[in-house]
């Protein structure tokens, strides 16, 4: 049992615990004086802490669950490339193992029917179907707040399906790309992956939740790059996206989203309205100095100059109260977490695990970059939470489950290495 725990990724685990500690401390500070929490049990810090505790337990449980079960896809056998890629080599000379060996075959040209089967394969993944079902449920029974319909009221918990969809899209996309890694240069795989991502992105953008929609797009980009999609295909797609920008600006973005982009360029256009939070967040970050004003002592946060403190602008509160040292330590923890996720991806026993770990790493990188950039004026305001720090139970729960899956990937790799070492020792002993 003692040797088994050597396979556990303690660096990842304790980095997550440190980030959770940061988050709970800052949520406590930002909600200490406002009359948002009539009692301890109803306070944001208690509710976030409860989710954190459950999530940490789930990390430990998921470590012992083989992540390979996430690859279950009942319709995966429909793939024309999977059927053509490998076929039995024939009976051969005898009923030896050669008759069960595989031979590589050229997939050849795929018909329209085969292309449709690939699309069906991509869109019928169980996790993907569940993600779309949850997003559809939001439009039917969703709870509205501040002009957005993003949550499903479960009485004891407000579920945000768009957060859940991020992880489910990672799993579904990883399964599809891993199944076709030897024909990944076929343009059809890029197109199927785009359709896979485009449907939930459009559903989430309609809520509206542009930040989460952009996060899923960033996840897709990270995963297709790691899968080996040719750069010429990505360049062609990028040029198409640039050409479509005028249409997106005119017809896809709502008025408030266009306003956010304009205010990002010049917050003084509306200093008491749309630009107010951006101006105050910059003041808050600058006021922290080297060591900060002290926990619960920030003037911008405690005097309510800075709005939406415990969610979108929590980094500004952290920078003011803990200073440059505190902010640098937080960023260092993020760098350690991302490096560890990429290490797990690089050492994964298979492509499926590598792509899941890459997708999770891409999700965290994008959210950290955009949220901190938003707080210091380097990126537009999009409402993307700061991972493990911002208040948001759905977001935190999904992140902790993602960490559990990463631990499972790391454990299986080390388990495989342990088995190989044991076999080599047994062979040496026999010889």
Protein backbone atom coordinates (compact mmCIF):
# COMPACT_ATOMS: atom_id res chain seq x y z
CA UNK A 1 0.00 0.00 0.00
CA UNK A 2 2.88 2.33 0.85
CA UNK A 3 4.44 1.71 -2.58
CA UNK A 4 1.09 2.31 -4.29
CA UNK A 5 0.93 5.87 -3.01
CA UNK A 6 4.27 6.58 -4.67
CA UNK A 7 2.29 6.66 -7.94
CA UNK A 8 0.18 9.55 -6.65
CA UNK A 9 1.09 13.00 -8.01
CA UNK A 10 1.61 14.87 -4.75
CA UNK A 11 2.88 18.00 -6.50
CA UNK A 12 -0.39 18.42 -8.38
CA UNK A 13 -2.47 17.62 -5.29
CA UNK A 14 -0.74 20.04 -2.91
CA UNK A 15 -0.67 22.79 -5.54
CA UNK A 16 -4.45 22.46 -5.83
CA UNK A 17 -4.79 22.60 -2.03
CA UNK A 18 -2.68 25.78 -1.93
CA UNK A 19 -4.85 27.40 -4.61
CA UNK A 20 -8.00 26.42 -2.71
CA UNK A 21 -6.56 28.05 0.40
CA UNK A 22 -5.88 31.23 -1.55
CA UNK A 23 -9.40 31.20 -2.93
CA UNK A 24 -11.21 30.66 0.37
CA UNK A 25 -9.13 33.37 2.07
CA UNK A 26 -9.98 35.90 -0.64
CA UNK A 27 -13.68 34.98 -0.76
CA UNK A 28 -13.80 35.42 3.04
CA UNK A 29 -12.15 38.82 2.72
CA UNK A 30 -14.41 40.06 -0.07
CA UNK A 31 -17.64 38.96 1.67
CA UNK A 32 -16.75 39.78 5.28
CA UNK A 33 -18.49 43.13 5.67
CA UNK A 34 -21.24 43.26 3.01
CA UNK A 35 -24.61 41.97 4.17
CA UNK A 36 -24.58 39.16 1.63
CA UNK A 37 -24.22 36.40 4.24
CA UNK A 38 -26.67 36.50 7.18
CA UNK A 39 -25.06 33.41 8.76
CA UNK A 40 -21.95 31.29 8.50
CA UNK A 41 -23.76 28.42 6.79
CA UNK A 42 -25.27 30.75 4.21
CA UNK A 43 -22.03 32.62 3.52
CA UNK A 44 -20.21 32.31 0.18
CA UNK A 45 -17.00 31.12 1.88
CA UNK A 46 -18.81 28.24 3.63
CA UNK A 47 -20.59 27.15 0.45
CA UNK A 48 -17.37 27.35 -1.57
CA UNK A 49 -15.51 25.50 1.18
CA UNK A 50 -18.09 22.72 1.20
CA UNK A 51 -17.70 22.20 -2.54
CA UNK A 52 -13.91 22.30 -2.13
CA UNK A 53 -14.04 19.58 0.55
CA UNK A 54 -16.25 17.33 -1.56
CA UNK A 55 -14.05 17.97 -4.58
CA UNK A 56 -10.84 17.03 -2.76
CA UNK A 57 -12.44 13.74 -1.69
CA UNK A 58 -13.45 13.13 -5.31
CA UNK A 59 -9.87 13.72 -6.44
CA UNK A 60 -8.74 10.89 -4.16
CA UNK A 61 -11.55 8.61 -5.36
CA UNK A 62 -11.02 9.33 -9.06
CA UNK A 63 -7.32 8.58 -8.71
CA UNK A 64 -8.17 4.91 -8.31
CA UNK A 65 -10.65 4.89 -11.23
CA UNK A 66 -9.10 4.09 -14.60
CA UNK A 67 -9.73 7.14 -16.80
CA UNK A 68 -10.09 4.73 -19.72
CA UNK A 69 -13.74 4.24 -18.76
CA UNK A 70 -14.37 7.80 -19.96
CA UNK A 71 -13.59 6.62 -23.50
CA UNK A 72 -16.69 4.40 -23.69
CA UNK A 73 -18.54 5.15 -26.91
CA UNK A 74 -21.18 2.62 -28.05
CA UNK A 75 -21.24 4.01 -31.61
CA UNK A 76 -17.48 4.29 -32.02
CA UNK A 77 -17.44 1.09 -34.08
CA UNK A 78 -19.35 2.95 -36.82
CA UNK A 79 -16.23 4.88 -37.75
CA UNK A 80 -15.23 3.96 -41.32
CA UNK A 81 -11.57 4.69 -40.61
CA UNK A 82 -11.59 2.53 -37.48
CA UNK A 83 -13.02 -0.35 -39.53
CA UNK A 84 -10.50 0.07 -42.37
CA UNK A 85 -7.46 0.95 -40.32
CA UNK A 86 -6.81 -2.47 -38.91
CA UNK A 87 -8.08 -5.84 -40.05
CA UNK A 88 -7.14 -9.40 -39.08
CA UNK A 89 -4.06 -10.52 -40.96
CA UNK A 90 -5.64 -13.87 -41.82
CA UNK A 91 -5.20 -17.40 -40.62
CA UNK A 92 -1.57 -17.58 -41.65
CA UNK A 93 0.42 -20.74 -41.25
CA UNK A 94 -1.23 -21.99 -38.07
CA UNK A 95 -3.47 -21.04 -35.18
CA UNK A 96 -0.60 -19.07 -33.73
CA UNK A 97 -0.69 -15.47 -32.50
CA UNK A 98 -0.07 -14.25 -36.06
CA UNK A 99 -3.69 -14.87 -36.96
CA UNK A 100 -4.69 -12.26 -34.39
CA UNK A 101 -2.06 -9.72 -35.34
CA UNK A 102 -2.98 -6.51 -37.10
CA UNK A 103 -1.83 -5.04 -40.38
CA UNK A 104 -1.98 -1.39 -41.27
CA UNK A 105 -4.05 -0.53 -44.29
CA UNK A 106 -4.43 2.68 -46.23
CA UNK A 107 -7.78 4.26 -45.42
CA UNK A 108 -8.16 5.39 -49.00
CA UNK A 109 -10.77 7.89 -50.09
CA UNK A 110 -13.82 8.27 -47.90
CA UNK A 111 -17.24 8.67 -49.45
CA UNK A 112 -19.91 11.14 -48.35
CA UNK A 113 -21.50 8.30 -46.41
CA UNK A 114 -18.24 7.63 -44.58
CA UNK A 115 -17.85 11.34 -43.80
CA UNK A 116 -21.36 11.39 -42.33
CA UNK A 117 -20.48 8.35 -40.21
CA UNK A 118 -17.46 10.23 -38.87
CA UNK A 119 -19.72 13.14 -37.95
CA UNK A 120 -22.22 10.84 -36.26
CA UNK A 121 -19.37 9.24 -34.33
CA UNK A 122 -18.20 12.65 -33.11
CA UNK A 123 -21.67 13.91 -32.14
CA UNK A 124 -22.93 10.74 -30.49
CA UNK A 125 -20.38 10.48 -27.70
CA UNK A 126 -22.36 9.92 -24.44
CA UNK A 127 -20.61 12.76 -22.60
CA UNK A 128 -21.18 15.09 -25.53
CA UNK A 129 -24.88 14.22 -25.75
CA UNK A 130 -25.27 14.79 -22.00
CA UNK A 131 -23.56 18.20 -22.32
CA UNK A 132 -25.99 19.27 -25.05
CA UNK A 133 -28.94 17.98 -23.03
CA UNK A 134 -27.90 20.07 -20.03
CA UNK A 135 -27.39 23.16 -22.19
CA UNK A 136 -30.82 22.65 -23.76
CA UNK A 137 -32.36 22.25 -20.30
CA UNK A 138 -31.05 25.69 -19.36
CA UNK A 139 -33.09 27.28 -22.15
CA UNK A 140 -36.23 25.49 -20.90
CA UNK A 141 -36.03 25.52 -17.10
CA UNK A 142 -32.98 27.72 -16.54
CA UNK A 143 -32.76 30.35 -13.84
CA UNK A 144 -32.12 33.93 -14.98
CA UNK A 145 -29.91 36.43 -13.17
CA UNK A 146 -28.52 39.80 -14.31
CA UNK A 147 -29.96 39.32 -17.80
CA UNK A 148 -28.41 35.88 -18.36
CA UNK A 149 -30.04 32.44 -18.24
CA UNK A 150 -27.17 30.15 -17.23
CA UNK A 151 -28.19 28.15 -14.17
CA UNK A 152 -30.48 25.25 -13.27
CA UNK A 153 -31.92 25.51 -9.76
CA UNK A 154 -31.38 22.19 -7.96
CA UNK A 155 -32.71 23.67 -4.66
CA UNK A 156 -29.50 22.97 -2.72
CA UNK A 157 -27.22 23.96 -5.60
CA UNK A 158 -27.40 26.17 -8.69
CA UNK A 159 -25.82 24.12 -11.47
CA UNK A 160 -24.18 25.99 -14.35
CA UNK A 161 -24.25 23.50 -17.27
CA UNK A 162 -21.83 25.55 -19.37
CA UNK A 163 -19.11 24.80 -16.79
CA UNK A 164 -19.92 21.08 -16.90
CA UNK A 165 -19.93 21.22 -20.71
CA UNK A 166 -16.27 22.29 -20.75
CA UNK A 167 -15.09 19.02 -19.21
CA UNK A 168 -17.52 16.89 -21.24
CA UNK A 169 -16.37 18.47 -24.49
CA UNK A 170 -12.75 17.75 -23.49
CA UNK A 171 -13.56 14.06 -22.97
CA UNK A 172 -15.61 13.71 -26.18
CA UNK A 173 -13.06 15.57 -28.30
CA UNK A 174 -10.17 13.58 -26.80
CA UNK A 175 -11.92 10.31 -27.64
CA UNK A 176 -12.57 11.32 -31.26
CA UNK A 177 -9.08 12.70 -31.92
CA UNK A 178 -7.38 9.75 -30.21
CA UNK A 179 -9.39 7.23 -32.24
CA UNK A 180 -8.17 8.84 -35.47
CA UNK A 181 -4.61 9.78 -34.56
CA UNK A 182 -3.10 7.85 -37.49
CA UNK A 183 -5.28 9.70 -40.03
CA UNK A 184 -5.33 13.05 -38.21
CA UNK A 185 -4.00 14.83 -41.33
CA UNK A 186 -7.34 14.21 -43.05
CA UNK A 187 -9.17 17.55 -43.18
CA UNK A 188 -12.42 15.80 -42.28
CA UNK A 189 -11.25 15.26 -38.71
CA UNK A 190 -10.64 18.97 -38.25
CA UNK A 191 -14.11 19.74 -39.64
CA UNK A 192 -15.79 17.16 -37.38
CA UNK A 193 -13.99 18.60 -34.34
CA UNK A 194 -15.14 22.10 -35.32
CA UNK A 195 -18.76 20.94 -35.50
CA UNK A 196 -18.34 19.16 -32.15
CA UNK A 197 -17.26 22.42 -30.54
CA UNK A 198 -19.44 24.85 -32.52
CA UNK A 199 -22.77 23.45 -31.30
CA UNK A 200 -22.14 23.90 -27.54
CA UNK A 201 -20.33 27.21 -28.18
CA UNK A 202 -23.37 28.65 -29.97
CA UNK A 203 -25.74 27.33 -27.29
CA UNK A 204 -23.62 28.88 -24.53
CA UNK A 205 -23.19 32.18 -26.38
CA UNK A 206 -26.99 32.49 -26.59
CA UNK A 207 -27.38 32.40 -22.79
CA UNK A 208 -25.38 34.77 -23.12
CA UNK A 209 -22.03 33.58 -21.74
CA UNK A 210 -19.32 34.67 -24.14
CA UNK A 211 -16.52 33.93 -21.65
CA UNK A 212 -17.29 30.22 -21.36
CA UNK A 213 -17.87 29.98 -25.12
CA UNK A 214 -14.39 31.43 -25.72
CA UNK A 215 -12.92 29.04 -23.15
CA UNK A 216 -14.28 26.02 -25.04
CA UNK A 217 -12.82 27.41 -28.26
CA UNK A 218 -9.44 27.76 -26.52
CA UNK A 219 -9.71 24.18 -25.26
CA UNK A 220 -10.40 22.98 -28.80
CA UNK A 221 -7.36 24.83 -30.16
CA UNK A 222 -5.05 23.36 -27.51
CA UNK A 223 -6.31 19.84 -28.15
CA UNK A 224 -6.15 19.86 -31.96
CA UNK A 225 -2.61 21.23 -31.80
CA UNK A 226 -1.61 18.44 -29.40
CA UNK A 227 -3.40 15.90 -31.62
CA UNK A 228 -1.20 16.89 -34.56
CA UNK A 229 -3.66 18.67 -36.84
CA UNK A 230 -1.57 20.11 -39.74
CA UNK A 231 -0.64 23.75 -39.34
CA UNK A 232 -1.77 24.54 -42.89
CA UNK A 233 -5.33 23.55 -41.90
CA UNK A 234 -5.21 25.73 -38.81
CA UNK A 235 -3.80 28.65 -40.83
CA UNK A 236 -6.60 28.30 -43.36
CA UNK A 237 -9.12 28.28 -40.52
CA UNK A 238 -7.52 31.36 -38.93
CA UNK A 239 -7.72 33.29 -42.21
CA UNK A 240 -11.38 32.29 -42.55
CA UNK A 241 -12.00 33.53 -39.01
CA UNK A 242 -10.38 36.88 -39.74
CA UNK A 243 -12.52 37.27 -42.84
CA UNK A 244 -15.64 36.56 -40.76
CA UNK A 245 -14.86 39.17 -38.07
CA UNK A 246 -17.03 41.93 -39.61
CA UNK A 247 -20.01 39.55 -39.71
CA UNK A 248 -19.37 38.45 -36.10
CA UNK A 249 -19.12 42.07 -34.93
CA UNK A 250 -22.31 43.11 -36.72
CA UNK A 251 -24.59 40.13 -36.30
CA UNK A 252 -23.26 37.80 -33.58
CA UNK A 253 -22.15 40.12 -30.77
CA UNK A 254 -24.86 41.80 -28.72
CA UNK A 255 -24.77 45.52 -27.92
CA UNK A 256 -23.33 45.05 -24.43
CA UNK A 257 -20.57 42.77 -25.76
CA UNK A 258 -19.54 45.35 -28.36
CA UNK A 259 -19.61 47.98 -25.62
CA UNK A 260 -17.26 45.86 -23.48
CA UNK A 261 -14.72 45.68 -26.29
CA UNK A 262 -14.85 49.43 -26.86
CA UNK A 263 -14.56 50.15 -23.13
CA UNK A 264 -11.56 47.82 -22.96
CA UNK A 265 -9.79 50.05 -25.48
CA UNK A 266 -10.69 53.20 -23.52
CA UNK A 267 -12.39 52.85 -20.08
CA UNK A 268 -12.74 56.64 -19.87
CA UNK A 269 -15.50 56.50 -22.48
CA UNK A 270 -17.87 55.64 -19.61
CA UNK A 271 -15.95 56.04 -16.33
CA UNK A 272 -19.02 55.79 -14.09
CA UNK A 273 -20.74 53.06 -16.06
CA UNK A 274 -19.27 50.27 -18.20
CA UNK A 275 -15.69 51.43 -17.59
CA UNK A 276 -16.05 51.83 -13.82
CA UNK A 277 -14.98 48.33 -12.73
CA UNK A 278 -11.97 48.28 -15.05
CA UNK A 279 -10.75 51.65 -13.69
CA UNK A 280 -11.27 50.57 -10.07
CA UNK A 281 -9.56 47.21 -10.60
CA UNK A 282 -6.45 48.96 -11.94
CA UNK A 283 -6.43 51.27 -8.92
CA UNK A 284 -6.83 48.27 -6.64
CA UNK A 285 -3.91 46.36 -8.19
CA UNK A 286 -1.66 49.43 -8.05
CA UNK A 287 -2.59 50.23 -4.44
CA UNK A 288 -1.24 46.92 -3.14
CA UNK A 289 2.41 47.80 -3.57
CA UNK A 290 4.98 45.16 -2.69
CA UNK A 291 3.47 43.62 0.43
CA UNK A 292 -0.17 44.72 0.21
CA UNK A 293 -2.47 46.42 2.70
CA UNK A 294 -3.22 43.21 4.59
CA UNK A 295 -6.04 40.68 4.47
CA UNK A 296 -9.47 42.30 4.96
CA UNK A 297 -7.81 45.75 4.79
CA UNK A 298 -8.11 46.72 1.13
CA UNK A 299 -9.79 50.09 0.68
CA UNK A 300 -11.13 49.37 -2.81
CA UNK A 301 -12.73 46.10 -1.74
CA UNK A 302 -13.78 46.75 1.86
CA UNK A 303 -15.26 50.16 1.01
CA UNK A 304 -17.05 48.68 -2.02
CA UNK A 305 -15.41 50.86 -4.64
CA UNK A 306 -14.73 47.64 -6.53
CA UNK A 307 -17.85 45.74 -7.54
CA UNK A 308 -18.22 41.99 -8.24
CA UNK A 309 -15.29 41.44 -5.89
CA UNK A 310 -15.57 37.73 -5.12
CA UNK A 311 -16.00 36.58 -8.72
CA UNK A 312 -14.66 38.45 -11.75
CA UNK A 313 -12.39 40.93 -9.93
CA UNK A 314 -11.07 38.80 -7.10
CA UNK A 315 -7.51 39.05 -8.43
CA UNK A 316 -7.63 42.83 -7.94
CA UNK A 317 -8.62 42.30 -4.29
CA UNK A 318 -5.79 39.79 -3.85
CA UNK A 319 -3.26 42.17 -5.42
CA UNK A 320 -4.36 45.03 -3.15
CA UNK A 321 -4.46 43.05 0.09
CA UNK A 322 -1.49 40.70 -0.46
CA UNK A 323 0.54 42.93 -2.76
CA UNK A 324 2.96 42.01 -5.52
CA UNK A 325 4.37 39.14 -3.42
CA UNK A 326 0.95 37.54 -3.00
CA UNK A 327 0.05 37.97 -6.67
CA UNK A 328 3.43 36.57 -7.77
CA UNK A 329 2.99 33.55 -5.48
CA UNK A 330 -0.46 32.89 -6.96
CA UNK A 331 0.91 33.07 -10.52
CA UNK A 332 3.79 30.78 -9.52
CA UNK A 333 1.26 28.21 -8.24
CA UNK A 334 -0.60 28.40 -11.55
CA UNK A 335 2.63 27.89 -13.47
CA UNK A 336 3.45 24.85 -11.33
CA UNK A 337 -0.05 23.42 -11.84
CA UNK A 338 0.07 23.93 -15.62
CA UNK A 339 3.59 22.46 -15.90
CA UNK A 340 2.48 19.43 -13.90
CA UNK A 341 -0.60 18.96 -16.13
CA UNK A 342 1.57 19.14 -19.25
CA UNK A 343 4.04 16.68 -17.71
CA UNK A 344 1.17 14.27 -17.07
CA UNK A 345 0.07 14.75 -20.67
CA UNK A 346 3.56 14.07 -22.01
CA UNK A 347 3.94 10.92 -19.91
CA UNK A 348 0.43 9.55 -20.45
CA UNK A 349 0.19 5.88 -21.37
CA UNK A 350 -2.02 6.66 -24.41
CA UNK A 351 -3.22 9.44 -26.71
CA UNK A 352 -6.62 9.62 -25.02
CA UNK A 353 -5.07 10.51 -21.65
CA UNK A 354 -2.60 12.90 -23.27
CA UNK A 355 -5.39 14.84 -24.97
CA UNK A 356 -7.56 15.02 -21.85
CA UNK A 357 -4.63 16.40 -19.84
CA UNK A 358 -3.83 18.87 -22.64
CA UNK A 359 -7.44 20.05 -22.74
CA UNK A 360 -7.52 20.62 -18.98
CA UNK A 361 -4.19 22.49 -19.14
CA UNK A 362 -5.49 24.63 -22.03
CA UNK A 363 -8.65 25.46 -20.08
CA UNK A 364 -6.69 26.63 -17.02
CA UNK A 365 -4.13 28.61 -19.06
CA UNK A 366 -6.84 30.49 -20.95
CA UNK A 367 -8.92 31.30 -17.87
CA UNK A 368 -5.93 32.49 -15.85
CA UNK A 369 -4.59 34.62 -18.69
CA UNK A 370 -7.93 36.24 -19.52
CA UNK A 371 -9.09 36.84 -15.93
CA UNK A 372 -5.82 38.36 -14.74
CA UNK A 373 -5.55 40.29 -18.00
CA UNK A 374 -9.08 41.61 -17.46
CA UNK A 375 -8.16 42.79 -13.94
CA UNK A 376 -5.11 44.74 -15.11
CA UNK A 377 -6.61 46.01 -18.37
CA UNK A 378 -4.85 43.69 -20.83
CA UNK A 379 -7.96 41.83 -22.00
CA UNK A 380 -11.68 42.68 -22.38
CA UNK A 381 -14.15 41.98 -19.59
CA UNK A 382 -15.66 38.56 -20.33
CA UNK A 383 -16.80 37.20 -16.97
CA UNK A 384 -14.32 34.29 -16.96
CA UNK A 385 -13.64 33.11 -13.37
CA UNK A 386 -10.14 32.78 -11.96
CA UNK A 387 -9.62 29.01 -11.47
CA UNK A 388 -9.86 27.83 -7.81
CA UNK A 389 -10.01 31.46 -6.62
CA UNK A 390 -13.24 33.07 -7.87
CA UNK A 391 -16.49 32.19 -6.15
CA UNK A 392 -18.46 29.75 -8.29
CA UNK A 393 -19.41 26.29 -7.12
CA UNK A 394 -20.04 24.75 -10.54
CA UNK A 395 -16.72 26.04 -11.83
CA UNK A 396 -14.81 24.80 -8.77
CA UNK A 397 -16.52 21.40 -8.81
CA UNK A 398 -15.63 20.83 -12.48
CA UNK A 399 -12.05 21.93 -11.90
CA UNK A 400 -11.60 19.51 -9.00
CA UNK A 401 -13.08 16.62 -10.99
CA UNK A 402 -10.62 17.53 -13.76
CA UNK A 403 -7.79 17.32 -11.23
CA UNK A 404 -9.04 13.88 -10.21
CA UNK A 405 -8.88 12.74 -13.83
CA UNK A 406 -5.34 14.12 -14.12
CA UNK A 407 -4.37 12.14 -11.02
CA UNK A 408 -5.88 9.03 -12.61
CA UNK A 409 -3.82 9.58 -15.78
CA UNK A 410 -0.65 10.09 -13.73
CA UNK A 411 -1.38 7.02 -11.57
CA UNK A 412 -1.99 4.75 -14.59
CA UNK A 413 1.27 5.87 -16.21
CA UNK A 414 3.29 5.20 -13.09
CA UNK A 415 1.43 1.92 -12.62
CA UNK A 416 2.46 0.91 -16.15
CA UNK A 417 6.08 1.85 -15.47
CA UNK A 418 5.98 -0.18 -12.24
CA UNK A 419 4.70 -3.24 -14.11
CA UNK A 420 7.40 -2.94 -16.77
CA UNK A 421 10.07 -2.67 -14.08
CA UNK A 422 8.66 -5.73 -12.28
CA UNK A 423 8.63 -7.77 -15.52
CA UNK A 424 12.22 -6.78 -16.31
CA UNK A 425 13.32 -7.80 -12.80
CA UNK A 426 11.56 -11.17 -13.16
CA UNK A 427 13.21 -11.77 -16.55
CA UNK A 428 16.63 -10.91 -15.13
CA UNK A 429 16.02 -13.27 -12.21
CA UNK A 430 15.02 -16.15 -14.52
CA UNK A 431 17.95 -15.61 -16.82
